[in-house]
Amino acid sequence: MELKNLKINRNKDGLTFEVFLKPSSSLNQIKIKEGILEIKVKAPPIEGKANEALKKVLAEYLKIKLSKIQIIKGLKSKNKIIKIISEPK
């Protein structure tokens, strides 16, 4: 899957994009739908487990450290804004 269709906002310390999370799915999966990343995770939406699974799936897919991924909006919602922190130059 290419991320070129993903709506990405770049800023001085990284980039942000929208994610629609589908917890309690039968598999972990990532796809782009109408410019938004749709991520399915097996974890349930209980005690932040689905959010942690989202970060792990995304970190694996992007091949970046888990610590570089932040959920900046939507901690208790399926609609989220994710921030990827860039490396200092």
Protein backbone atom coordinates (compact mmCIF):
# COMPACT_ATOMS: atom_id res chain seq x y z
CA MET A 1 0.00 0.00 0.00
CA GLU A 2 1.28 3.44 -0.90
CA LEU A 3 0.77 6.33 1.45
CA LYS A 4 0.71 8.91 -1.35
CA ASN A 5 -3.10 9.16 -1.13
CA LEU A 6 -2.96 9.93 2.59
CA LYS A 7 -3.72 13.52 3.63
CA ILE A 8 -0.61 14.52 5.61
CA ASN A 9 0.08 17.83 7.36
CA ARG A 10 3.75 18.64 7.81
CA ASN A 11 5.09 20.98 10.48
CA LYS A 12 8.45 21.83 12.04
CA ASP A 13 8.57 18.90 14.46
CA GLY A 14 6.90 16.16 12.44
CA LEU A 15 3.73 15.34 10.59
CA THR A 16 0.12 14.63 11.43
CA PHE A 17 -2.65 12.68 9.75
CA GLU A 18 -6.11 11.33 10.47
CA VAL A 19 -6.79 7.75 11.49
CA PHE A 20 -10.06 5.87 11.82
CA LEU A 21 -9.57 3.04 14.32
CA LYS A 22 -11.60 -0.18 14.23
CA PRO A 23 -10.94 -2.04 17.50
CA SER A 24 -11.91 -5.65 18.26
CA SER A 25 -11.30 -6.68 14.64
CA SER A 26 -10.45 -10.19 13.53
CA LEU A 27 -7.01 -9.03 12.30
CA ASN A 28 -4.57 -6.13 12.39
CA GLN A 29 -4.75 -4.27 9.08
CA ILE A 30 -3.98 -0.86 7.56
CA LYS A 31 -5.59 0.70 4.50
CA ILE A 32 -6.31 4.15 3.11
CA LYS A 33 -9.90 5.18 2.58
CA GLU A 34 -10.73 8.65 1.21
CA GLY A 35 -7.38 10.12 2.33
CA ILE A 36 -7.68 8.75 5.88
CA LEU A 37 -5.75 5.85 7.31
CA GLU A 38 -8.11 3.11 8.46
CA ILE A 39 -6.48 0.81 10.99
CA LYS A 40 -8.06 -2.38 12.29
CA VAL A 41 -6.67 -3.88 15.49
CA LYS A 42 -7.54 -7.05 17.38
CA ALA A 43 -7.36 -5.29 20.76
CA PRO A 44 -10.58 -4.17 22.44
CA PRO A 45 -11.28 -0.49 23.21
CA ILE A 46 -10.75 -1.04 26.92
CA GLU A 47 -8.22 0.78 29.13
CA GLY A 48 -6.29 2.15 26.12
CA LYS A 49 -5.49 -1.30 24.71
CA ALA A 50 -6.75 -0.44 21.22
CA ASN A 51 -4.76 2.81 21.20
CA GLU A 52 -1.57 0.96 22.15
CA ALA A 53 -2.24 -1.66 19.48
CA LEU A 54 -2.79 1.13 16.94
CA LYS A 55 0.61 2.63 17.77
CA LYS A 56 2.33 -0.77 17.57
CA VAL A 57 0.75 -1.65 14.21
CA LEU A 58 1.63 1.77 12.81
CA ALA A 59 5.21 1.65 14.15
CA GLU A 60 5.74 -1.77 12.57
CA TYR A 61 4.29 -0.67 9.25
CA LEU A 62 6.29 2.57 9.09
CA LYS A 63 9.41 0.92 10.57
CA ILE A 64 9.82 3.60 13.23
CA LYS A 65 10.18 3.57 17.00
CA LEU A 66 6.98 3.39 19.02
CA SER A 67 8.09 6.50 20.94
CA LYS A 68 7.84 8.57 17.72
CA ILE A 69 4.06 8.05 17.52
CA GLN A 70 1.61 10.17 19.52
CA ILE A 71 -2.16 10.26 19.54
CA ILE A 72 -2.78 14.00 19.83
CA LYS A 73 -6.56 13.95 19.44
CA GLY A 74 -9.26 11.33 19.92
CA LEU A 75 -7.96 9.15 22.74
CA LYS A 76 -11.51 7.97 23.46
CA SER A 77 -12.81 8.15 19.89
CA LYS A 78 -12.47 6.04 16.75
CA ASN A 79 -11.46 9.22 14.87
CA LYS A 80 -7.94 10.23 15.81
CA ILE A 81 -5.15 12.60 14.86
CA ILE A 82 -1.74 10.93 14.92
CA LYS A 83 1.57 12.75 15.11
CA ILE A 84 4.84 11.26 13.93
CA ILE A 85 7.72 13.09 15.57
CA SER A 86 10.59 13.78 13.20
CA GLU A 87 14.25 13.25 14.01
CA PRO A 88 16.19 16.43 14.90
CA LYS A 89 18.48 17.60 12.11
